[in-house]
Amino acid sequence: MPNTPYLHVDLERLDRNILRAAEWASTNDLTLRPHAKTHKSPRIARRQISAGAVGLTVATIGEAEVFAESGVTDLFVAYPLHVDDQAAGRLGALAYKARVAIGVDSVEGATQAGRMVGRYGVEVVIEVDSGHHRSGCRPTEAGPIATAATNSGSTVRGVFTFPGHSYARDGGVTAAVDEARALSIARAAVEDTGIEVAVVSGGSTPSLGHTRTETITEARPGVYVFGDAQQWELGVMDSRDIALTCRATVVSHAGGRAVLDSGGKVLAADRAAFNTGGGRLLDHPDARITLVSEHHAVVDMGEAPLPPLGSQVAVVPNHCCAAVNLAEYLWVDEKGGMRPWAVAARGRNS
């Protein structure tokens, strides 16, 4: 048994979440390409692919390298990469192990990608902004970007977006509508140039249930495998579906509150505007973490009694992806006892 604090995975819930998304994709005749930045674990990736996922989405070349080394043969770096000499060498080596695509969102980026990695067979997917206003071109600009990619030696796979504004109260429906509109315009813009669009890719965990499935061909949710306090508080996932928690020990009752040994260096510091605290307690839904410092989490238990000193509680991080990136292992109850699963892609941020 590991010392607290540590991240624990409920294997039954994990597999149920994986199967639910796979069945949803199959029912709607969609390709499922989960975002592996959530779990960063080859063992979980294999479970997703065994359930029907065509491959993985990743955020960085480093993550792609880890999963290719573990045997994943279809990888999409869903990020508008600027491909320099170093990145080109890594992508070229990666392309010998797997089918690889990268994101682009400008004529300059597409031209650079084609010139640097087109000869390796690395495909490009054009990112469009569907309302999150982070990266991505305007949907009408997808055509010139596709032309630039093709002219510089790349194969254009299609278009993609991240409807990240789904991370808001009642944001899922609006984000899904915006996603469908943006991707439809982008697809038409590319096809008007004579370039085939094979993939129209979207999806986020909060918007997945509202996705206009007639518009997209591929979905890329990530957080659905674990769930977290964000999904719980958005009403996207029930507490009974949350598969990842931080096991923490009650170390103090100072101030009439429960003080835990799981601070920001385990839970991460993410707190969205809609989050009601620094995390939740899985078995005490009215409790809230009111203060998070490096090695302390202070919990207001509400009307519930204080857990005894030395007892353990299950903390639901606000953002599971950020918490997992801080952990070396996920601890999983398997037959024969609890086993560590390596978070092999942790820290692979480039």
Protein backbone atom coordinates (compact mmCIF):
# COMPACT_ATOMS: atom_id res chain seq x y z
CA MET A 1 0.00 0.00 0.00
CA PRO A 2 1.55 3.34 -0.99
CA ASN A 3 1.88 6.22 1.42
CA THR A 4 -0.58 9.05 1.04
CA PRO A 5 -1.13 11.18 -0.89
CA TYR A 6 -1.41 9.09 -4.06
CA LEU A 7 -3.71 8.88 -7.08
CA HIS A 8 -6.02 5.88 -7.07
CA VAL A 9 -7.95 4.47 -10.03
CA ASP A 10 -11.15 2.49 -9.65
CA LEU A 11 -10.66 -0.04 -12.45
CA GLU A 12 -14.33 -1.01 -12.72
CA ARG A 13 -15.37 2.61 -13.17
CA LEU A 14 -12.52 3.28 -15.60
CA ASP A 15 -13.53 0.38 -17.83
CA ARG A 16 -17.18 1.38 -17.65
CA ASN A 17 -16.34 4.91 -18.76
CA ILE A 18 -14.18 3.62 -21.62
CA LEU A 19 -16.90 1.26 -22.81
CA ARG A 20 -19.64 3.90 -22.58
CA ALA A 21 -17.77 6.30 -24.87
CA ALA A 22 -16.82 3.52 -27.29
CA GLU A 23 -20.44 2.41 -27.56
CA TRP A 24 -21.59 6.00 -28.09
CA ALA A 25 -19.11 6.43 -30.95
CA SER A 26 -20.07 3.12 -32.53
CA THR A 27 -23.79 3.84 -32.27
CA ASN A 28 -23.28 7.20 -33.99
CA ASP A 29 -20.91 5.78 -36.63
CA LEU A 30 -18.03 7.95 -35.43
CA THR A 31 -14.34 7.29 -35.00
CA LEU A 32 -13.16 7.66 -31.40
CA ARG A 33 -9.68 9.10 -30.89
CA PRO A 34 -9.37 9.78 -27.12
CA HIS A 35 -7.07 12.50 -25.85
CA ALA A 36 -4.35 10.70 -23.91
CA LYS A 37 -3.00 13.81 -22.18
CA THR A 38 -5.62 13.00 -19.55
CA HIS A 39 -4.12 9.71 -18.40
CA LYS A 40 -0.62 9.62 -20.00
CA SER A 41 -0.67 5.87 -19.43
CA PRO A 42 0.07 3.22 -22.08
CA ARG A 43 -1.92 0.69 -20.07
CA ILE A 44 -5.04 2.83 -20.21
CA ALA A 45 -4.41 3.59 -23.89
CA ARG A 46 -4.42 -0.12 -24.65
CA ARG A 47 -7.78 -0.48 -22.92
CA GLN A 48 -9.22 2.36 -25.01
CA ILE A 49 -7.92 0.89 -28.26
CA SER A 50 -9.13 -2.60 -27.34
CA ALA A 51 -12.59 -1.08 -26.82
CA GLY A 52 -12.58 0.36 -30.34
CA ALA A 53 -10.59 3.62 -30.40
CA VAL A 54 -8.82 4.05 -33.75
CA GLY A 55 -5.79 5.67 -32.15
CA LEU A 56 -4.92 8.47 -29.76
CA THR A 57 -4.89 12.23 -29.60
CA VAL A 58 -1.91 13.79 -27.83
CA ALA A 59 -0.81 17.34 -27.03
CA THR A 60 2.92 17.12 -27.72
CA ILE A 61 5.50 15.26 -29.77
CA GLY A 62 6.90 13.91 -26.51
CA GLU A 63 3.59 12.31 -25.60
CA ALA A 64 3.36 10.83 -29.10
CA GLU A 65 6.85 9.34 -28.72
CA VAL A 66 5.88 7.60 -25.47
CA PHE A 67 2.73 6.06 -26.92
CA ALA A 68 4.41 5.04 -30.17
CA GLU A 69 7.10 3.29 -28.14
CA SER A 70 4.35 1.37 -26.34
CA GLY A 71 2.87 0.17 -29.63
CA VAL A 72 0.18 2.73 -30.54
CA THR A 73 0.28 3.06 -34.34
CA ASP A 74 -2.06 6.01 -35.06
CA LEU A 75 -1.36 9.35 -33.37
CA PHE A 76 -2.65 12.88 -33.82
CA VAL A 77 -0.82 15.80 -32.20
CA ALA A 78 -3.82 18.12 -31.86
CA TYR A 79 -1.76 21.26 -31.48
CA PRO A 80 -0.69 23.94 -33.99
CA LEU A 81 2.96 22.95 -34.14
CA HIS A 82 5.64 25.23 -35.52
CA VAL A 83 7.94 22.62 -37.01
CA ASP A 84 11.62 23.55 -36.65
CA ASP A 85 14.61 21.32 -37.41
CA GLN A 86 14.49 19.54 -34.07
CA ALA A 87 10.76 18.89 -34.23
CA ALA A 88 11.10 17.69 -37.83
CA GLY A 89 13.70 15.11 -36.84
CA ARG A 90 11.53 13.79 -34.04
CA LEU A 91 8.41 13.67 -36.21
CA GLY A 92 10.33 11.90 -38.95
CA ALA A 93 11.51 9.23 -36.52
CA LEU A 94 7.99 8.94 -35.13
CA ALA A 95 6.54 8.43 -38.60
CA TYR A 96 8.56 5.21 -38.95
CA LYS A 97 6.63 3.76 -35.99
CA ALA A 98 3.11 5.13 -36.47
CA ARG A 99 0.75 7.01 -38.71
CA VAL A 100 1.15 10.62 -37.58
CA ALA A 101 -0.79 13.84 -38.08
CA ILE A 102 -0.21 17.28 -36.60
CA GLY A 103 -2.28 20.42 -36.26
CA VAL A 104 -1.75 23.66 -38.21
CA ASP A 105 -3.76 26.88 -38.07
CA SER A 106 -2.03 29.30 -40.45
CA VAL A 107 -0.67 29.47 -43.98
CA GLU A 108 2.81 29.97 -42.57
CA GLY A 109 2.52 26.99 -40.22
CA ALA A 110 1.11 24.76 -42.95
CA THR A 111 3.84 25.74 -45.39
CA GLN A 112 6.51 25.09 -42.80
CA ALA A 113 5.03 21.70 -41.89
CA GLY A 114 4.92 20.59 -45.51
CA ARG A 115 8.45 21.71 -46.20
CA MET A 116 9.87 20.08 -43.06
CA VAL A 117 7.91 16.83 -42.62
CA GLY A 118 5.75 16.28 -45.70
CA ARG A 119 8.33 13.86 -47.11
CA TYR A 120 7.92 11.65 -44.04
CA GLY A 121 4.21 11.19 -44.67
CA VAL A 122 3.20 13.30 -41.66
CA GLU A 123 -0.30 14.57 -42.41
CA VAL A 124 -1.82 17.87 -41.31
CA VAL A 125 -5.22 18.67 -39.84
CA ILE A 126 -6.36 22.27 -39.88
CA GLU A 127 -7.47 23.68 -36.55
CA VAL A 128 -10.38 26.11 -36.54
CA ASP A 129 -11.66 28.27 -33.70
CA SER A 130 -15.24 27.32 -32.85
CA GLY A 131 -15.65 29.76 -29.95
CA HIS A 132 -13.01 28.93 -27.37
CA HIS A 133 -10.78 31.68 -28.79
CA ARG A 134 -7.49 29.98 -28.01
CA SER A 135 -5.78 28.64 -31.14
CA GLY A 136 -7.33 27.87 -34.51
CA CYS A 137 -8.05 29.88 -37.63
CA ARG A 138 -11.37 31.37 -38.64
CA PRO A 139 -13.38 28.63 -40.38
CA THR A 140 -13.39 30.51 -43.70
CA GLU A 141 -9.58 30.55 -43.67
CA ALA A 142 -9.27 26.76 -43.74
CA GLY A 143 -9.24 26.67 -47.55
CA PRO A 144 -6.11 28.81 -48.11
CA ILE A 145 -4.35 26.93 -45.31
CA ALA A 146 -5.17 23.59 -46.92
CA THR A 147 -3.88 24.86 -50.27
CA ALA A 148 -0.63 26.03 -48.65
CA ALA A 149 -0.17 22.65 -46.97
CA THR A 150 -0.76 20.74 -50.20
CA ASN A 151 1.49 23.02 -52.24
CA SER A 152 4.33 22.54 -49.76
CA GLY A 153 4.15 18.74 -49.77
CA SER A 154 1.70 17.78 -47.02
CA THR A 155 -1.38 15.60 -47.18
CA VAL A 156 -4.36 17.34 -45.61
CA ARG A 157 -6.37 14.89 -43.51
CA GLY A 158 -9.16 17.27 -42.59
CA VAL A 159 -10.25 19.87 -40.05
CA PHE A 160 -10.57 19.88 -36.27
CA THR A 161 -11.61 22.07 -33.37
CA PHE A 162 -11.75 22.06 -29.59
CA PRO A 163 -15.06 23.41 -28.24
CA GLY A 164 -13.43 24.42 -24.97
CA HIS A 165 -16.13 26.93 -24.08
CA SER A 166 -18.13 23.85 -23.10
CA TYR A 167 -16.34 24.25 -19.75
CA ALA A 168 -18.98 26.63 -18.39
CA ARG A 169 -22.33 26.32 -16.69
CA ASP A 170 -24.78 25.09 -19.35
CA GLY A 171 -22.00 25.52 -21.94
CA GLY A 172 -22.20 22.09 -23.53
CA VAL A 173 -25.16 22.73 -25.81
CA THR A 174 -23.89 26.08 -27.08
CA ALA A 175 -20.39 24.75 -27.64
CA ALA A 176 -21.70 21.78 -29.61
CA VAL A 177 -23.77 24.04 -31.87
CA ASP A 178 -20.79 26.35 -32.41
CA GLU A 179 -18.55 23.36 -33.11
CA ALA A 180 -20.89 22.00 -35.79
CA ARG A 181 -21.21 25.38 -37.47
CA ALA A 182 -17.47 26.08 -37.52
CA LEU A 183 -16.52 22.63 -38.76
CA SER A 184 -19.15 22.70 -41.50
CA ILE A 185 -17.87 26.04 -42.79
CA ALA A 186 -14.26 24.87 -42.58
CA ARG A 187 -15.00 21.64 -44.40
CA ALA A 188 -16.74 23.50 -47.21
CA ALA A 189 -13.87 25.98 -47.45
CA VAL A 190 -11.35 23.17 -47.89
CA GLU A 191 -13.48 21.21 -50.33
CA ASP A 192 -14.03 24.35 -52.42
CA THR A 193 -10.29 24.23 -53.18
CA GLY A 194 -10.64 20.70 -54.56
CA ILE A 195 -8.97 19.06 -51.54
CA GLU A 196 -10.75 16.08 -50.00
CA VAL A 197 -11.70 16.25 -46.33
CA ALA A 198 -11.47 12.76 -44.87
CA VAL A 199 -11.77 13.71 -41.18
CA VAL A 200 -13.91 16.27 -39.37
CA SER A 201 -12.79 16.06 -35.76
CA GLY A 202 -14.26 17.61 -32.63
CA GLY A 203 -15.48 16.85 -29.18
CA SER A 204 -14.80 17.61 -25.55
CA THR A 205 -16.07 15.70 -22.55
CA PRO A 206 -18.59 18.39 -21.47
CA SER A 207 -20.03 18.79 -24.98
CA LEU A 208 -19.92 15.13 -26.04
CA GLY A 209 -23.52 14.34 -25.17
CA HIS A 210 -24.70 17.29 -27.26
CA THR A 211 -22.45 16.69 -30.28
CA ARG A 212 -24.07 17.12 -33.69
CA THR A 213 -22.98 13.68 -34.80
CA GLU A 214 -24.10 14.27 -38.38
CA THR A 215 -21.42 16.96 -38.70
CA ILE A 216 -18.29 15.29 -37.34
CA THR A 217 -16.60 12.03 -38.24
CA GLU A 218 -14.28 11.78 -35.22
CA ALA A 219 -14.53 12.60 -31.50
CA ARG A 220 -11.59 13.37 -29.18
CA PRO A 221 -12.79 13.45 -25.55
CA GLY A 222 -10.20 12.97 -22.83
CA VAL A 223 -11.46 13.51 -19.29
CA TYR A 224 -14.31 11.00 -19.70
CA VAL A 225 -12.01 8.13 -18.65
CA PHE A 226 -11.58 9.48 -15.13
CA GLY A 227 -13.97 12.32 -14.45
CA ASP A 228 -13.07 15.10 -12.03
CA ALA A 229 -14.65 17.84 -9.94
CA GLN A 230 -15.14 20.00 -13.03
CA GLN A 231 -17.25 17.35 -14.76
CA TRP A 232 -19.09 16.64 -11.51
CA GLU A 233 -19.97 20.30 -10.97
CA LEU A 234 -20.94 20.82 -14.61
CA GLY A 235 -23.35 17.90 -14.26
CA VAL A 236 -21.61 15.97 -17.03
CA MET A 237 -20.58 13.03 -14.84
CA ASP A 238 -22.09 11.65 -11.67
CA SER A 239 -19.90 11.09 -8.64
CA ARG A 240 -20.51 7.35 -9.12
CA ASP A 241 -18.65 7.55 -12.45
CA ILE A 242 -15.52 9.24 -11.12
CA ALA A 243 -12.67 6.76 -11.48
CA LEU A 244 -9.70 8.84 -10.29
CA THR A 245 -9.27 10.15 -6.77
CA CYS A 246 -6.41 11.23 -4.57
CA ARG A 247 -6.20 9.19 -1.40
CA ALA A 248 -5.27 11.59 1.40
CA THR A 249 -4.78 11.34 5.16
CA VAL A 250 -6.45 13.64 7.68
CA VAL A 251 -3.50 15.15 9.53
CA SER A 252 -5.13 17.93 11.56
CA HIS A 253 -8.40 19.30 12.90
CA ALA A 254 -7.07 22.83 13.26
CA GLY A 255 -9.79 25.47 13.19
CA GLY A 256 -12.49 22.81 13.31
CA ARG A 257 -11.73 21.72 9.76
CA ALA A 258 -10.16 18.63 8.22
CA VAL A 259 -6.63 19.27 7.03
CA LEU A 260 -5.33 16.76 4.47
CA ASP A 261 -1.83 15.89 3.31
CA SER A 262 -2.82 16.38 -0.35
CA GLY A 263 -1.88 19.88 -1.42
CA GLY A 264 -1.37 21.53 -4.76
CA LYS A 265 1.70 19.43 -5.51
CA VAL A 266 -0.64 16.44 -5.83
CA LEU A 267 -4.04 17.90 -6.70
CA ALA A 268 -2.70 20.66 -8.97
CA ALA A 269 -3.85 24.24 -8.61
CA ASP A 270 -6.53 24.41 -11.32
CA ARG A 271 -9.78 26.03 -10.27
CA ALA A 272 -12.25 27.07 -12.94
CA ALA A 273 -14.61 29.98 -12.34
CA PHE A 274 -17.48 27.55 -11.73
CA ASN A 275 -15.61 25.31 -9.29
CA THR A 276 -16.94 25.66 -5.74
CA GLY A 277 -13.63 24.84 -4.10
CA GLY A 278 -10.16 23.43 -4.54
CA GLY A 279 -11.59 19.93 -5.02
CA ARG A 280 -14.34 17.68 -3.69
CA LEU A 281 -14.53 14.69 -1.37
CA LEU A 282 -16.05 11.74 -3.20
CA ASP A 283 -17.95 10.36 -0.21
CA HIS A 284 -18.89 13.74 1.31
CA PRO A 285 -20.64 15.70 -1.45
CA ASP A 286 -21.35 18.73 0.75
CA ALA A 287 -17.71 19.16 1.82
CA ARG A 288 -15.51 21.68 0.03
CA ILE A 289 -11.76 22.24 -0.05
CA THR A 290 -11.49 25.89 0.93
CA LEU A 291 -7.70 26.28 0.88
CA VAL A 292 -4.96 24.56 -1.11
CA SER A 293 -1.29 25.19 -0.46
CA GLU A 294 1.71 23.11 -1.48
CA HIS A 295 1.20 20.27 0.99
CA HIS A 296 -2.11 21.10 2.69
CA ALA A 297 -5.74 20.90 1.66
CA VAL A 298 -8.16 22.43 4.16
CA VAL A 299 -11.69 21.06 4.06
CA ASP A 300 -14.91 22.56 5.37
CA MET A 301 -16.98 19.47 6.10
CA GLY A 302 -20.25 21.38 6.30
CA GLU A 303 -22.71 19.50 8.50
CA ALA A 304 -20.72 16.25 8.31
CA PRO A 305 -18.57 15.19 11.26
CA LEU A 306 -14.83 15.57 10.99
CA PRO A 307 -13.12 12.40 9.78
CA PRO A 308 -10.85 11.01 12.51
CA LEU A 309 -7.19 11.97 12.55
CA GLY A 310 -5.23 9.38 10.62
CA SER A 311 -8.20 8.31 8.52
CA GLN A 312 -8.14 8.48 4.73
CA VAL A 313 -10.51 10.25 2.38
CA ALA A 314 -10.93 10.19 -1.41
CA VAL A 315 -10.35 13.63 -2.94
CA VAL A 316 -11.64 14.44 -6.43
CA PRO A 317 -9.23 16.90 -8.10
CA ASN A 318 -10.74 19.80 -9.98
CA HIS A 319 -8.83 18.88 -13.15
CA CYS A 320 -7.69 15.28 -13.45
CA CYS A 321 -5.30 15.93 -16.38
CA ALA A 322 -3.24 18.40 -14.36
CA ALA A 323 -3.18 16.13 -11.30
CA VAL A 324 -2.07 13.09 -13.31
CA ASN A 325 0.83 15.05 -14.80
CA LEU A 326 2.20 15.47 -11.26
CA ALA A 327 2.12 11.75 -10.45
CA GLU A 328 4.71 9.10 -11.22
CA TYR A 329 2.21 6.27 -10.80
CA LEU A 330 -1.50 5.62 -10.74
CA TRP A 331 -2.39 2.99 -8.14
CA VAL A 332 -4.95 0.51 -9.40
CA ASP A 333 -6.81 -2.28 -7.61
CA GLU A 334 -6.16 -5.38 -9.70
CA LYS A 335 -6.60 -9.04 -8.96
CA GLY A 336 -4.03 -9.87 -6.37
CA GLY A 337 -3.76 -6.39 -4.90
CA MET A 338 -3.04 -2.77 -5.68
CA ARG A 339 -0.53 -2.24 -8.49
CA PRO A 340 1.26 0.86 -9.79
CA TRP A 341 0.65 1.87 -13.40
CA ALA A 342 3.34 4.20 -14.69
CA VAL A 343 2.31 7.65 -15.87
CA ALA A 344 4.81 7.21 -18.67
CA ALA A 345 4.10 10.44 -20.55
CA ARG A 346 4.16 12.75 -17.52
CA GLY A 347 6.25 15.85 -18.04
CA ARG A 348 6.60 15.28 -21.79
CA ASN A 349 5.63 18.86 -22.49
CA SER A 350 7.52 19.37 -25.74
